[in-house]
C-alpha atoms as a PDB file:
ATOM      1  CA  MET A   1      19.880  -5.334  -2.514  1.00  0.00           C
ATOM      2  CA  ARG A   2      21.536  -7.486   0.111  1.00  0.00           C
ATOM      3  CA  PRO A   3      19.563 -10.688   0.837  1.00  0.00           C
ATOM      4  CA  HIS A   4      19.368 -10.175   4.618  1.00  0.00           C
ATOM      5  CA  HIS A   5      17.463  -6.919   4.075  1.00  0.00           C
ATOM      6  CA  ALA A   6      14.457  -8.798   2.742  1.00  0.00           C
ATOM      7  CA  LEU A   7      14.292 -10.847   5.934  1.00  0.00           C
ATOM      8  CA  ALA A   8      14.086  -7.937   8.376  1.00  0.00           C
ATOM      9  CA  ALA A   9      11.021  -5.788   8.886  1.00  0.00           C
ATOM     10  CA  VAL A  10      10.562  -2.687  11.030  1.00  0.00           C
ATOM     11  CA  TYR A  11       7.295  -2.059  12.880  1.00  0.00           C
ATOM     12  CA  PRO A  12       7.545   1.656  13.716  1.00  0.00           C
ATOM     13  CA  GLY A  13       5.221   3.653  15.927  1.00  0.00           C
ATOM     14  CA  SER A  14       4.807   5.696  19.046  1.00  0.00           C
ATOM     15  CA  PHE A  15       3.274   2.754  20.966  1.00  0.00           C
ATOM     16  CA  ASP A  16       2.013   5.227  23.587  1.00  0.00           C
ATOM     17  CA  PRO A  17       0.805   2.966  25.034  1.00  0.00           C
ATOM     18  CA  MET A  18       1.247  -0.422  23.392  1.00  0.00           C
ATOM     19  CA  HIS A  19      -2.058  -2.316  23.154  1.00  0.00           C
ATOM     20  CA  LEU A  20      -3.146  -5.822  22.221  1.00  0.00           C
ATOM     21  CA  GLY A  21      -3.665  -4.818  18.576  1.00  0.00           C
ATOM     22  CA  HIS A  22       0.062  -4.041  18.389  1.00  0.00           C
ATOM     23  CA  VAL A  23       0.868  -7.410  19.979  1.00  0.00           C
ATOM     24  CA  ASP A  24      -1.359  -9.144  17.428  1.00  0.00           C
ATOM     25  CA  ILE A  25       0.404  -7.398  14.515  1.00  0.00           C
ATOM     26  CA  ILE A  26       3.810  -8.408  15.912  1.00  0.00           C
ATOM     27  CA  HIS A  27       2.716 -12.064  16.114  1.00  0.00           C
ATOM     28  CA  ARG A  28       1.380 -11.899  12.548  1.00  0.00           C
ATOM     29  CA  ALA A  29       4.608 -10.269  11.349  1.00  0.00           C
ATOM     30  CA  ARG A  30       6.691 -13.028  12.961  1.00  0.00           C
ATOM     31  CA  ALA A  31       4.785 -15.572  10.879  1.00  0.00           C
ATOM     32  CA  VAL A  32       6.094 -13.823   7.747  1.00  0.00           C
ATOM     33  CA  PHE A  33       9.449 -12.292   8.725  1.00  0.00           C
ATOM     34  CA  PRO A  34      12.181 -14.029  10.725  1.00  0.00           C
ATOM     35  CA  ARG A  35      13.374 -10.686  12.147  1.00  0.00           C
ATOM     36  CA  VAL A  36      10.942  -8.007  13.350  1.00  0.00           C
ATOM     37  CA  ILE A  37      12.273  -4.778  14.832  1.00  0.00           C
ATOM     38  CA  VAL A  38       9.708  -2.911  16.919  1.00  0.00           C
ATOM     39  CA  ALA A  39      10.951   0.672  16.678  1.00  0.00           C
ATOM     40  CA  VAL A  40       9.575   3.315  19.038  1.00  0.00           C
ATOM     41  CA  LEU A  41       9.673   6.767  17.481  1.00  0.00           C
ATOM     42  CA  GLN A  42      11.128   9.526  19.626  1.00  0.00           C
ATOM     43  CA  ASN A  43       8.637  12.204  18.573  1.00  0.00           C
ATOM     44  CA  THR A  44       9.347  15.578  20.131  1.00  0.00           C
ATOM     45  CA  ASP A  45       6.130  17.094  18.744  1.00  0.00           C
ATOM     46  CA  LYS A  46       3.786  15.106  20.979  1.00  0.00           C
ATOM     47  CA  ALA A  47       3.435  15.111  24.759  1.00  0.00           C
ATOM     48  CA  PRO A  48       3.683  11.388  25.516  1.00  0.00           C
ATOM     49  CA  LEU A  49       1.866   9.530  28.262  1.00  0.00           C
ATOM     50  CA  LEU A  50       4.948   7.348  28.827  1.00  0.00           C
ATOM     51  CA  PRO A  51       8.621   8.221  28.191  1.00  0.00           C
ATOM     52  CA  VAL A  52      10.307   6.475  25.251  1.00  0.00           C
ATOM     53  CA  ALA A  53      12.581   4.371  27.480  1.00  0.00           C
ATOM     54  CA  THR A  54       9.557   3.127  29.440  1.00  0.00           C
ATOM     55  CA  ARG A  55       7.699   2.249  26.233  1.00  0.00           C
ATOM     56  CA  VAL A  56      10.718   0.295  24.941  1.00  0.00           C
ATOM     57  CA  GLU A  57      10.939  -1.563  28.263  1.00  0.00           C
ATOM     58  CA  LEU A  58       7.210  -2.384  28.321  1.00  0.00           C
ATOM     59  CA  ILE A  59       7.223  -3.610  24.718  1.00  0.00           C
ATOM     60  CA  ALA A  60      10.263  -5.783  25.493  1.00  0.00           C
ATOM     61  CA  LYS A  61       8.423  -7.241  28.507  1.00  0.00           C
ATOM     62  CA  SER A  62       5.351  -7.896  26.346  1.00  0.00           C
ATOM     63  CA  VAL A  63       6.894  -9.348  23.152  1.00  0.00           C
ATOM     64  CA  GLY A  64      10.679  -9.242  23.502  1.00  0.00           C
ATOM     65  CA  GLU A  65      10.948 -12.931  24.300  1.00  0.00           C
ATOM     66  CA  LEU A  66       9.444 -13.908  20.937  1.00  0.00           C
ATOM     67  CA  PRO A  67      12.189 -15.357  18.722  1.00  0.00           C
ATOM     68  CA  GLY A  68      13.385 -12.822  16.164  1.00  0.00           C
ATOM     69  CA  VAL A  69      11.747  -9.804  17.824  1.00  0.00           C
ATOM     70  CA  GLU A  70      13.930  -6.840  18.756  1.00  0.00           C
ATOM     71  CA  VAL A  71      12.765  -3.674  20.492  1.00  0.00           C
ATOM     72  CA  THR A  72      14.524  -0.324  20.180  1.00  0.00           C
ATOM     73  CA  SER A  73      13.887   3.370  19.673  1.00  0.00           C
ATOM     74  CA  PHE A  74      14.868   5.770  16.916  1.00  0.00           C
ATOM     75  CA  SER A  75      14.637   9.402  15.936  1.00  0.00           C
ATOM     76  CA  GLY A  76      14.796  11.064  12.556  1.00  0.00           C
ATOM     77  CA  LEU A  77      13.738   9.514   9.280  1.00  0.00           C
ATOM     78  CA  LEU A  78      12.480   5.949   9.353  1.00  0.00           C
ATOM     79  CA  VAL A  79      14.358   5.097   6.144  1.00  0.00           C
ATOM     80  CA  ASP A  80      17.651   6.180   7.754  1.00  0.00           C
ATOM     81  CA  PHE A  81      16.911   3.870  10.680  1.00  0.00           C
ATOM     82  CA  MET A  82      16.093   1.069   8.224  1.00  0.00           C
ATOM     83  CA  ARG A  83      19.399   1.438   6.398  1.00  0.00           C
ATOM     84  CA  GLN A  84      21.226   1.365   9.746  1.00  0.00           C
ATOM     85  CA  SER A  85      19.318  -1.684  11.057  1.00  0.00           C
ATOM     86  CA  GLY A  86      19.472  -3.757   7.873  1.00  0.00           C
ATOM     87  CA  ALA A  87      15.710  -3.762   7.268  1.00  0.00           C
ATOM     88  CA  ARG A  88      13.981  -3.087   3.984  1.00  0.00           C
ATOM     89  CA  VAL A  89      10.351  -3.683   4.941  1.00  0.00           C
ATOM     90  CA  ILE A  90       8.085  -1.361   6.926  1.00  0.00           C
ATOM     91  CA  LEU A  91       5.198  -3.024   8.752  1.00  0.00           C
ATOM     92  CA  ARG A  92       2.014  -1.072   9.335  1.00  0.00           C
ATOM     93  CA  GLY A  93      -1.216  -2.183  10.921  1.00  0.00           C
ATOM     94  CA  MET A  94      -4.342  -1.399   8.941  1.00  0.00           C
ATOM     95  CA  ARG A  95      -7.514  -1.390  11.025  1.00  0.00           C
ATOM     96  CA  ALA A  96     -10.024   0.111   8.625  1.00  0.00           C
ATOM     97  CA  VAL A  97     -10.392   1.818   5.264  1.00  0.00           C
ATOM     98  CA  SER A  98     -10.059   5.143   7.113  1.00  0.00           C
ATOM     99  CA  ASP A  99      -6.392   4.283   7.846  1.00  0.00           C
ATOM    100  CA  PHE A 100      -5.597   3.654   4.202  1.00  0.00           C
ATOM    101  CA  GLU A 101      -5.216   7.157   2.748  1.00  0.00           C
ATOM    102  CA  TYR A 102      -2.739   8.332   5.388  1.00  0.00           C
ATOM    103  CA  GLU A 103      -0.785   5.061   5.446  1.00  0.00           C
ATOM    104  CA  PHE A 104      -0.620   4.930   1.638  1.00  0.00           C
ATOM    105  CA  GLN A 105       0.713   8.493   1.499  1.00  0.00           C
ATOM    106  CA  ILE A 106       3.405   7.694   4.091  1.00  0.00           C
ATOM    107  CA  ALA A 107       4.338   4.469   2.267  1.00  0.00           C
ATOM    108  CA  LEU A 108       4.830   6.338  -1.003  1.00  0.00           C
ATOM    109  CA  MET A 109       6.906   9.046   0.692  1.00  0.00           C
ATOM    110  CA  ASN A 110       9.148   6.448   2.364  1.00  0.00           C
ATOM    111  CA  ARG A 111       9.679   4.781  -1.012  1.00  0.00           C
ATOM    112  CA  ARG A 112      10.521   8.155  -2.538  1.00  0.00           C
ATOM    113  CA  LEU A 113      13.072   8.792   0.234  1.00  0.00           C
ATOM    114  CA  TRP A 114      14.592   5.314  -0.228  1.00  0.00           C
ATOM    115  CA  SER A 115      13.614   3.312  -3.297  1.00  0.00           C
ATOM    116  CA  GLU A 116      14.368  -0.016  -1.553  1.00  0.00           C
ATOM    117  CA  ALA A 117      11.797   0.601   1.206  1.00  0.00           C
ATOM    118  CA  GLU A 118       8.671  -1.527   0.885  1.00  0.00           C
ATOM    119  CA  THR A 119       5.607  -1.225   3.094  1.00  0.00           C
ATOM    120  CA  VAL A 120       3.570  -4.260   4.090  1.00  0.00           C
ATOM    121  CA  PHE A 121       0.133  -3.707   5.604  1.00  0.00           C
ATOM    122  CA  LEU A 122      -1.124  -6.256   8.110  1.00  0.00           C
ATOM    123  CA  THR A 123      -4.638  -6.418   9.466  1.00  0.00           C
ATOM    124  CA  PRO A 124      -5.250  -7.346  13.089  1.00  0.00           C
ATOM    125  CA  ASN A 125      -7.732  -9.876  14.389  1.00  0.00           C
ATOM    126  CA  GLU A 126     -11.190  -8.287  14.109  1.00  0.00           C
ATOM    127  CA  GLU A 127     -11.472  -8.039  17.900  1.00  0.00           C
ATOM    128  CA  PHE A 128      -8.713  -5.385  17.776  1.00  0.00           C
ATOM    129  CA  THR A 129      -9.926  -3.302  14.829  1.00  0.00           C
ATOM    130  CA  TYR A 130     -11.423  -0.644  17.135  1.00  0.00           C
ATOM    131  CA  LEU A 131      -8.284  -0.388  19.242  1.00  0.00           C
ATOM    132  CA  SER A 132      -5.818   2.502  19.073  1.00  0.00           C
ATOM    133  CA  SER A 133      -3.360   4.028  21.516  1.00  0.00           C
ATOM    134  CA  ARG A 134      -5.466   7.200  21.484  1.00  0.00           C
ATOM    135  CA  VAL A 135      -8.589   5.268  22.544  1.00  0.00           C
ATOM    136  CA  VAL A 136      -6.678   3.394  25.271  1.00  0.00           C
ATOM    137  CA  LYS A 137      -5.233   6.681  26.545  1.00  0.00           C
ATOM    138  CA  GLU A 138      -8.661   8.335  26.633  1.00  0.00           C
ATOM    139  CA  ILE A 139     -10.270   5.425  28.491  1.00  0.00           C
ATOM    140  CA  TRP A 140      -7.402   5.334  31.003  1.00  0.00           C
ATOM    141  CA  GLN A 141      -7.446   9.123  31.523  1.00  0.00           C
ATOM    142  CA  LEU A 142     -11.190   8.978  32.225  1.00  0.00           C
ATOM    143  CA  GLY A 143     -10.707   6.273  34.842  1.00  0.00           C
ATOM    144  CA  GLY A 144     -11.808   3.305  32.734  1.00  0.00           C
ATOM    145  CA  ASP A 145     -10.458  -0.226  32.945  1.00  0.00           C
ATOM    146  CA  VAL A 146      -7.934  -0.928  30.168  1.00  0.00           C
ATOM    147  CA  SER A 147      -6.849  -4.366  31.451  1.00  0.00           C
ATOM    148  CA  GLY A 148      -8.387  -6.218  28.490  1.00  0.00           C
ATOM    149  CA  LEU A 149      -6.886  -3.784  25.989  1.00  0.00           C
ATOM    150  CA  VAL A 150      -3.172  -3.757  26.871  1.00  0.00           C
ATOM    151  CA  PRO A 151      -0.533  -6.337  27.826  1.00  0.00           C
ATOM    152  CA  PRO A 152      -0.154  -6.967  31.585  1.00  0.00           C
ATOM    153  CA  ALA A 153       3.148  -5.040  31.816  1.00  0.00           C
ATOM    154  CA  VAL A 154       1.527  -1.980  30.237  1.00  0.00           C
ATOM    155  CA  HIS A 155      -1.501  -2.288  32.513  1.00  0.00           C
ATOM    156  CA  ALA A 156       0.763  -2.372  35.579  1.00  0.00           C
ATOM    157  CA  ALA A 157       2.710   0.697  34.352  1.00  0.00           C
ATOM    158  CA  LEU A 158      -0.509   2.632  33.728  1.00  0.00           C
ATOM    159  CA  ALA A 159      -1.884   1.613  37.126  1.00  0.00           C
ATOM    160  CA  ALA A 160       1.253   3.039  38.739  1.00  0.00           C
ATOM    161  CA  LEU A 161       0.785   6.434  37.048  1.00  0.00           C
ATOM    162  CA  ALA A 162      -1.293   9.188  38.577  1.00  0.00           C
ATOM    163  CA  ARG A 163      -4.185  10.102  36.288  1.00  0.00           C
END
C-alpha cells in the first residue's frame, strides 16, 4: 500500500441531482480526508434528469472550491477508477438502517474486487436524513419547491429545465 492512497477518498454516486445531504457528506469527509474525489457515475442503465457533464459542473460550482475536493466522472468499475485516481477509500452516506443492507453488500463486493478498497460510512446531519436524489426529483417533477433541498447552482439548473 502506498501512503498517499490512505489520504484520498472517493465519494461515488449519480448525484442526479446533487442535494444538500451530499454537500453535508462532502464537508464531513473533508474533516477526515485531505483529498476527496466526488466521482459522478456515468450509468447508461438509467435515464438521468441531468447529463453527466452538467452534474459534474454543478457539483464543482457547489463544492469544488473547498480545499482538497475534486470533481470528475467515471464509468466502469469503481475499484478501477480508484486505482487510477490513487484513492483507497470509498465514502458512502448512510441515512438510515434501510440503507445498510445494500451498502454493506456493495462494500463487500468492492473489497472482493480489490482487497485494498475500504468503505467508510458517514451519516449526514439529521436534517438531511430524509433527503435523496429520487425524492428531490419527484418533488421537482411535481412542481414543488426544491430550493431548500439543493445547492443554489442546482436549483438554478433545475429552474431552467422544462418539467
